[in-house]
C-alpha atoms as a PDB file:
ATOM      1  CA  MET A   1       9.247  23.161  23.390  1.00  0.00           C
ATOM      2  CA  ARG A   2      10.510  23.310  26.665  1.00  0.00           C
ATOM      3  CA  ASP A   3       8.911  25.471  28.102  1.00  0.00           C
ATOM      4  CA  LYS A   4       5.510  24.466  27.303  1.00  0.00           C
ATOM      5  CA  ARG A   5       6.818  21.937  28.779  1.00  0.00           C
ATOM      6  CA  VAL A   6       6.930  23.619  32.162  1.00  0.00           C
ATOM      7  CA  LEU A   7       4.296  25.151  31.775  1.00  0.00           C
ATOM      8  CA  LEU A   8       1.918  21.550  31.755  1.00  0.00           C
ATOM      9  CA  VAL A   9       3.542  20.407  34.147  1.00  0.00           C
ATOM     10  CA  ILE A  10       2.625  23.129  36.255  1.00  0.00           C
ATOM     11  CA  PHE A  11      -0.571  23.163  34.881  1.00  0.00           C
ATOM     12  CA  VAL A  12      -1.142  19.677  36.189  1.00  0.00           C
ATOM     13  CA  MET A  13       0.715  20.141  40.105  1.00  0.00           C
ATOM     14  CA  ILE A  14      -1.675  22.976  40.015  1.00  0.00           C
ATOM     15  CA  LEU A  15      -4.654  20.688  39.406  1.00  0.00           C
ATOM     16  CA  ALA A  16      -3.112  17.762  41.431  1.00  0.00           C
ATOM     17  CA  PHE A  17      -3.398  19.941  44.123  1.00  0.00           C
ATOM     18  CA  GLY A  18      -7.108  21.093  43.319  1.00  0.00           C
ATOM     19  CA  ILE A  19      -8.629  18.040  43.744  1.00  0.00           C
ATOM     20  CA  ALA A  20      -6.795  16.941  46.366  1.00  0.00           C
ATOM     21  CA  VAL A  21      -7.895  19.909  48.689  1.00  0.00           C
ATOM     22  CA  LEU A  22     -11.556  19.856  47.060  1.00  0.00           C
ATOM     23  CA  GLY A  23     -11.434  16.280  47.044  1.00  0.00           C
ATOM     24  CA  CYS A  24     -11.030  15.820  51.299  1.00  0.00           C
ATOM     25  CA  ASP A  25     -13.673  14.920  53.506  1.00  0.00           C
ATOM     26  CA  ASN A  26     -14.148  16.558  55.995  1.00  0.00           C
ATOM     27  CA  GLY A  27     -15.944  14.494  58.471  1.00  0.00           C
ATOM     28  CA  THR A  28     -20.066  15.577  57.508  1.00  0.00           C
ATOM     29  CA  THR A  29     -20.613  13.853  54.663  1.00  0.00           C
ATOM     30  CA  ASP A  30     -19.585   9.754  54.216  1.00  0.00           C
ATOM     31  CA  GLY A  31     -16.543  10.216  51.629  1.00  0.00           C
ATOM     32  CA  GLY A  32     -18.822  10.381  48.786  1.00  0.00           C
ATOM     33  CA  GLY A  33     -19.440  13.915  49.054  1.00  0.00           C
ATOM     34  CA  ASN A  34     -22.808  13.931  50.567  1.00  0.00           C
ATOM     35  CA  PRO A  35     -23.857  14.212  53.858  1.00  0.00           C
ATOM     36  CA  SER A  36     -24.067  11.732  56.732  1.00  0.00           C
ATOM     37  CA  ALA A  37     -24.867  12.179  60.118  1.00  0.00           C
ATOM     38  CA  GLY A  38     -22.745   9.168  61.567  1.00  0.00           C
ATOM     39  CA  GLY A  39     -19.906  10.841  63.821  1.00  0.00           C
ATOM     40  CA  VAL A  40     -20.451  13.893  62.963  1.00  0.00           C
ATOM     41  CA  SER A  41     -21.089  16.394  65.790  1.00  0.00           C
ATOM     42  CA  GLY A  42     -24.830  18.368  65.136  1.00  0.00           C
ATOM     43  CA  GLY A  43     -27.939  18.556  66.221  1.00  0.00           C
ATOM     44  CA  VAL A  44     -31.052  16.670  66.228  1.00  0.00           C
ATOM     45  CA  PHE A  45     -35.001  16.502  66.702  1.00  0.00           C
ATOM     46  CA  THR A  46     -35.954  13.857  68.905  1.00  0.00           C
ATOM     47  CA  LEU A  47     -39.913  13.342  68.737  1.00  0.00           C
ATOM     48  CA  THR A  48     -41.329  10.820  71.237  1.00  0.00           C
ATOM     49  CA  ASP A  49     -44.935   9.534  72.121  1.00  0.00           C
ATOM     50  CA  ILE A  50     -45.440   8.987  68.529  1.00  0.00           C
ATOM     51  CA  PRO A  51     -48.454   7.134  68.518  1.00  0.00           C
ATOM     52  CA  PRO A  52     -47.417   3.002  67.778  1.00  0.00           C
ATOM     53  CA  GLU A  53     -49.088   2.550  64.501  1.00  0.00           C
ATOM     54  CA  PHE A  54     -46.089   4.641  63.053  1.00  0.00           C
ATOM     55  CA  ASN A  55     -43.895   2.289  64.389  1.00  0.00           C
ATOM     56  CA  GLY A  56     -41.365   1.113  61.522  1.00  0.00           C
ATOM     57  CA  LYS A  57     -42.049   4.500  59.591  1.00  0.00           C
ATOM     58  CA  TYR A  58     -40.275   7.224  58.640  1.00  0.00           C
ATOM     59  CA  ALA A  59     -40.000  11.027  59.173  1.00  0.00           C
ATOM     60  CA  TYR A  60     -38.528  13.452  58.074  1.00  0.00           C
ATOM     61  CA  LEU A  61     -38.209  17.158  59.462  1.00  0.00           C
ATOM     62  CA  SER A  62     -38.681  20.777  56.978  1.00  0.00           C
ATOM     63  CA  ARG A  63     -39.213  24.291  58.880  1.00  0.00           C
ATOM     64  CA  GLY A  64     -42.812  25.231  58.867  1.00  0.00           C
ATOM     65  CA  GLY A  65     -44.446  26.036  55.043  1.00  0.00           C
ATOM     66  CA  GLY A  66     -46.731  25.323  52.681  1.00  0.00           C
ATOM     67  CA  GLY A  67     -49.706  26.092  53.495  1.00  0.00           C
ATOM     68  CA  LEU A  68     -48.654  26.246  57.422  1.00  0.00           C
ATOM     69  CA  GLU A  69     -48.140  28.891  59.478  1.00  0.00           C
ATOM     70  CA  ASP A  70     -43.662  29.631  58.889  1.00  0.00           C
ATOM     71  CA  ARG A  71     -42.998  31.263  61.596  1.00  0.00           C
ATOM     72  CA  GLY A  72     -39.555  31.899  63.128  1.00  0.00           C
ATOM     73  CA  ASP A  73     -35.861  32.449  62.019  1.00  0.00           C
ATOM     74  CA  GLN A  74     -35.790  32.027  58.035  1.00  0.00           C
ATOM     75  CA  ILE A  75     -33.582  29.312  58.250  1.00  0.00           C
ATOM     76  CA  ASN A  76     -33.092  26.348  55.799  1.00  0.00           C
ATOM     77  CA  ILE A  77     -33.052  23.297  57.796  1.00  0.00           C
ATOM     78  CA  GLY A  78     -33.902  19.599  56.942  1.00  0.00           C
ATOM     79  CA  GLY A  79     -33.856  16.450  59.104  1.00  0.00           C
ATOM     80  CA  PHE A  80     -32.947  13.111  57.664  1.00  0.00           C
ATOM     81  CA  GLN A  81     -30.419  11.305  58.120  1.00  0.00           C
ATOM     82  CA  SER A  82     -27.979  10.934  55.008  1.00  0.00           C
ATOM     83  CA  PHE A  83     -28.102  12.484  51.491  1.00  0.00           C
ATOM     84  CA  ASN A  84     -27.067  11.105  48.650  1.00  0.00           C
ATOM     85  CA  THR A  85     -26.733  12.762  44.779  1.00  0.00           C
ATOM     86  CA  SER A  86     -27.933   9.383  43.181  1.00  0.00           C
ATOM     87  CA  THR A  87     -30.334   7.976  45.595  1.00  0.00           C
ATOM     88  CA  GLY A  88     -31.289  10.965  47.359  1.00  0.00           C
ATOM     89  CA  PHE A  89     -31.960  11.007  51.354  1.00  0.00           C
ATOM     90  CA  THR A  90     -32.530   8.335  53.717  1.00  0.00           C
ATOM     91  CA  LEU A  91     -34.650   8.758  56.641  1.00  0.00           C
ATOM     92  CA  PRO A  92     -34.635   7.582  59.926  1.00  0.00           C
ATOM     93  CA  GLN A  93     -37.363   5.324  61.272  1.00  0.00           C
ATOM     94  CA  ILE A  94     -39.652   5.347  63.686  1.00  0.00           C
ATOM     95  CA  SER A  95     -38.468   2.796  66.308  1.00  0.00           C
ATOM     96  CA  ASN A  96     -40.511   2.331  70.115  1.00  0.00           C
ATOM     97  CA  GLY A  97     -42.736   5.244  69.240  1.00  0.00           C
ATOM     98  CA  ARG A  98     -39.533   8.047  68.839  1.00  0.00           C
ATOM     99  CA  VAL A  99     -37.378   9.270  66.147  1.00  0.00           C
ATOM    100  CA  VAL A 100     -34.325  11.161  67.088  1.00  0.00           C
ATOM    101  CA  ILE A 101     -33.273  13.510  64.079  1.00  0.00           C
ATOM    102  CA  PRO A 102     -30.845  14.769  62.676  1.00  0.00           C
ATOM    103  CA  LEU A 103     -30.631  18.121  61.431  1.00  0.00           C
ATOM    104  CA  TRP A 104     -28.489  20.184  58.753  1.00  0.00           C
ATOM    105  CA  VAL A 105     -28.899  23.416  57.024  1.00  0.00           C
ATOM    106  CA  PHE A 106     -28.724  24.004  53.186  1.00  0.00           C
ATOM    107  CA  GLN A 107     -25.349  26.644  52.799  1.00  0.00           C
ATOM    108  CA  GLU A 108     -25.707  27.647  49.291  1.00  0.00           C
ATOM    109  CA  SER A 109     -22.325  28.476  47.145  1.00  0.00           C
ATOM    110  CA  ASP A 110     -21.164  31.653  47.052  1.00  0.00           C
ATOM    111  CA  ASN A 111     -21.351  31.285  43.337  1.00  0.00           C
ATOM    112  CA  GLY A 112     -25.318  30.662  44.055  1.00  0.00           C
ATOM    113  CA  ASN A 113     -24.696  27.331  41.792  1.00  0.00           C
ATOM    114  CA  GLY A 114     -25.288  24.847  44.044  1.00  0.00           C
ATOM    115  CA  GLY A 115     -24.070  24.445  47.956  1.00  0.00           C
ATOM    116  CA  VAL A 116     -23.606  21.598  51.315  1.00  0.00           C
ATOM    117  CA  PHE A 117     -25.278  20.650  53.872  1.00  0.00           C
ATOM    118  CA  LEU A 118     -23.752  21.377  57.265  1.00  0.00           C
ATOM    119  CA  ARG A 119     -24.805  19.826  60.774  1.00  0.00           C
ATOM    120  CA  TYR A 120     -26.594  22.360  62.241  1.00  0.00           C
ATOM    121  CA  SER A 121     -25.553  23.542  66.198  1.00  0.00           C
ATOM    122  CA  GLY A 122     -27.627  26.926  66.127  1.00  0.00           C
ATOM    123  CA  ASN A 123     -29.567  28.286  68.928  1.00  0.00           C
ATOM    124  CA  ASN A 124     -32.564  29.456  66.844  1.00  0.00           C
ATOM    125  CA  VAL A 125     -36.663  29.475  67.459  1.00  0.00           C
ATOM    126  CA  ILE A 126     -37.748  27.662  64.554  1.00  0.00           C
ATOM    127  CA  SER A 127     -41.483  26.236  63.652  1.00  0.00           C
ATOM    128  CA  VAL A 128     -40.681  22.613  62.529  1.00  0.00           C
ATOM    129  CA  VAL A 129     -43.160  19.951  60.484  1.00  0.00           C
ATOM    130  CA  VAL A 130     -41.918  16.024  61.158  1.00  0.00           C
ATOM    131  CA  ASP A 131     -43.686  14.665  58.082  1.00  0.00           C
ATOM    132  CA  ILE A 132     -44.426  10.344  58.459  1.00  0.00           C
ATOM    133  CA  TYR A 133     -43.490   7.989  55.959  1.00  0.00           C
ATOM    134  CA  ASN A 134     -44.575   4.309  54.894  1.00  0.00           C
ATOM    135  CA  SER A 135     -40.677   3.871  53.621  1.00  0.00           C
ATOM    136  CA  ALA A 136     -37.508   5.635  53.425  1.00  0.00           C
ATOM    137  CA  THR A 137     -38.771   5.906  49.357  1.00  0.00           C
ATOM    138  CA  ASP A 138     -41.928   6.622  49.576  1.00  0.00           C
ATOM    139  CA  PRO A 139     -43.037   9.973  48.029  1.00  0.00           C
ATOM    140  CA  TYR A 140     -46.423  10.014  49.580  1.00  0.00           C
ATOM    141  CA  GLU A 141     -46.456  11.178  53.818  1.00  0.00           C
ATOM    142  CA  LEU A 142     -48.879   9.339  55.483  1.00  0.00           C
ATOM    143  CA  GLY A 143     -49.256  12.084  58.054  1.00  0.00           C
ATOM    144  CA  TYR A 144     -47.200  14.973  60.124  1.00  0.00           C
ATOM    145  CA  ALA A 145     -47.197  17.063  62.992  1.00  0.00           C
ATOM    146  CA  TYR A 146     -46.494  20.751  63.448  1.00  0.00           C
ATOM    147  CA  PHE A 147     -44.457  22.204  65.930  1.00  0.00           C
ATOM    148  CA  GLU A 148     -44.842  25.667  66.125  1.00  0.00           C
ATOM    149  CA  LEU A 149     -41.537  27.996  67.665  1.00  0.00           C
ATOM    150  CA  VAL A 150     -39.596  25.510  68.398  1.00  0.00           C
ATOM    151  CA  GLN A 151     -36.466  26.807  70.485  1.00  0.00           C
ATOM    152  CA  PHE A 152     -33.494  24.999  70.615  1.00  0.00           C
ATOM    153  CA  SER A 153     -30.706  24.717  72.120  1.00  0.00           C
ATOM    154  CA  ASN A 154     -26.511  23.949  70.527  1.00  0.00           C
ATOM    155  CA  GLY A 155     -28.877  22.264  67.626  1.00  0.00           C
ATOM    156  CA  ASN A 156     -30.721  20.306  69.588  1.00  0.00           C
ATOM    157  CA  ALA A 157     -35.212  19.875  70.478  1.00  0.00           C
ATOM    158  CA  THR A 158     -36.861  17.621  72.206  1.00  0.00           C
ATOM    159  CA  ARG A 159     -41.081  17.920  71.229  1.00  0.00           C
ATOM    160  CA  SER A 160     -44.113  14.903  72.450  1.00  0.00           C
ATOM    161  CA  TRP A 161     -45.715  13.905  69.207  1.00  0.00           C
ATOM    162  CA  ASN A 162     -48.889  15.323  71.755  1.00  0.00           C
ATOM    163  CA  GLU A 163     -47.189  18.889  71.712  1.00  0.00           C
ATOM    164  CA  GLY A 164     -47.930  19.481  67.454  1.00  0.00           C
ATOM    165  CA  SER A 165     -50.937  20.048  65.680  1.00  0.00           C
ATOM    166  CA  VAL A 166     -51.184  16.702  64.093  1.00  0.00           C
ATOM    167  CA  ARG A 167     -52.712  15.395  60.786  1.00  0.00           C
ATOM    168  CA  ILE A 168     -53.171  11.663  59.302  1.00  0.00           C
ATOM    169  CA  PHE A 169     -54.278  11.287  55.676  1.00  0.00           C
ATOM    170  CA  ASN A 170     -55.987   8.085  54.618  1.00  0.00           C
ATOM    171  CA  TRP A 171     -54.320   7.248  51.716  1.00  0.00           C
ATOM    172  CA  ILE A 172     -56.407   4.416  49.679  1.00  0.00           C
ATOM    173  CA  PRO A 173     -54.303   2.165  47.841  1.00  0.00           C
ATOM    174  CA  ARG A 174     -55.248   2.037  44.438  1.00  0.00           C
ATOM    175  CA  ARG A 175     -56.202  -1.694  43.077  1.00  0.00           C
ATOM    176  CA  LYS A 176     -54.147  -2.324  39.651  1.00  0.00           C
ATOM    177  CA  LYS A 177     -57.276  -2.805  36.900  1.00  0.00           C
ATOM    178  CA  VAL A 178     -57.333  -6.060  35.864  1.00  0.00           C
ATOM    179  CA  ALA A 179     -58.136  -6.411  32.000  1.00  0.00           C
ATOM    180  CA  LYS A 180     -61.100  -9.024  31.622  1.00  0.00           C
ATOM    181  CA  PHE A 181     -61.059 -11.385  28.534  1.00  0.00           C
END
């Protein structure tokens, strides 16, 4: 019986140590295991000369694709302010015709089950798309700007809206049907 207690104590100590090690925040998260750009070094994509009608809107960056030519290095890059597994992405807001988008790469776990977002700091050439959204949670993009073969230096790059291939969508809001009596 005493041997079982000793084994149980050893197991609890190993479990506590494992939780402590896995639970440590390395500064790339918001403290809840979710990535956050606050105080963490890493690259940003700065988009300038955005038309004034997009001030107050939100931006998300992804590697070129989705019908657009995906040229350059194949890096799983994404641009957003933070990510929470419960609420999803928080997007940076456009202000005064510009937006600074923190950049992240997704690194899959060794066992292929999930992964983590890490700040991007590479020197790659990547084609990127910046999608514009009406709000931080709006699933319908207002438009996008595509930038082919952008050279990143230490994770950073800057482009003017005028350098991109731009497409603006004319979404017509659906009207609620009113029942007639």
